[in-house]
């Protein structure tokens, strides 16, 4: 499980908007053939945490 915390007082992360960064994370997740779930938490309309939980299919 991996989690990305985003400062809730900033709309920018390393010069990128929260929406752009969220899009990049989702695109990478899809390209990798990820099997699991992604949870996005918001506070006051801003992304605060993105949690990826990977499942292993055997």
Protein backbone atom coordinates (compact mmCIF):
# COMPACT_ATOMS: atom_id res chain seq x y z
CA UNK A 1 0.00 0.00 0.00
CA UNK A 2 1.26 3.44 -0.91
CA UNK A 3 -0.11 6.82 0.07
CA UNK A 4 0.60 10.26 -1.30
CA UNK A 5 -0.07 13.17 1.02
CA UNK A 6 -0.73 16.57 -0.47
CA UNK A 7 -0.54 19.75 1.57
CA UNK A 8 -4.18 20.76 1.86
CA UNK A 9 -3.30 24.47 1.68
CA UNK A 10 -1.64 24.23 -1.74
CA UNK A 11 -3.25 23.87 -5.15
CA UNK A 12 0.18 23.32 -6.68
CA UNK A 13 2.54 20.37 -6.19
CA UNK A 14 6.00 20.95 -7.63
CA UNK A 15 4.54 23.48 -10.07
CA UNK A 16 1.69 21.16 -11.12
CA UNK A 17 -1.98 21.49 -10.21
CA UNK A 18 -3.59 18.83 -8.03
CA UNK A 19 -5.79 17.75 -10.94
CA UNK A 20 -2.76 17.31 -13.23
CA UNK A 21 -0.91 15.26 -10.60
CA UNK A 22 -3.99 13.12 -9.91
CA UNK A 23 -4.37 12.50 -13.65
CA UNK A 24 -0.71 11.45 -13.94
CA UNK A 25 -1.04 9.02 -11.02
CA UNK A 26 -4.17 7.46 -12.52
CA UNK A 27 -2.58 7.21 -15.99
CA UNK A 28 0.54 5.51 -14.59
CA UNK A 29 -1.64 3.14 -12.56
CA UNK A 30 -3.57 2.10 -15.68
CA UNK A 31 -0.41 1.72 -17.80
CA UNK A 32 1.16 -0.58 -15.19
CA UNK A 33 -1.81 -2.96 -15.29
CA UNK A 34 -2.50 -2.23 -11.63
CA UNK A 35 -4.86 -4.65 -9.86
CA UNK A 36 -6.36 -3.12 -6.72
CA UNK A 37 -8.07 0.06 -5.60
CA UNK A 38 -7.36 3.78 -5.47
CA UNK A 39 -8.93 5.99 -2.81
CA UNK A 40 -8.91 9.77 -3.10
CA UNK A 41 -9.67 11.83 0.02
CA UNK A 42 -10.74 15.46 -0.10
CA UNK A 43 -10.94 18.21 2.50
CA UNK A 44 -12.69 21.47 1.66
CA UNK A 45 -12.64 20.57 -2.03
CA UNK A 46 -8.90 19.86 -2.14
CA UNK A 47 -7.16 16.49 -2.54
CA UNK A 48 -5.40 15.59 0.72
CA UNK A 49 -4.56 11.88 0.37
CA UNK A 50 -4.37 9.36 -2.46
CA UNK A 51 -4.15 5.77 -1.24
CA UNK A 52 -3.36 2.87 -3.57
CA UNK A 53 -4.00 -0.65 -2.29
CA UNK A 54 -2.61 -3.35 -4.57
CA UNK A 55 -4.12 -6.82 -4.72
CA UNK A 56 -2.13 -9.81 -5.93
CA UNK A 57 -4.06 -12.24 -8.07
CA UNK A 58 -2.70 -15.80 -7.98
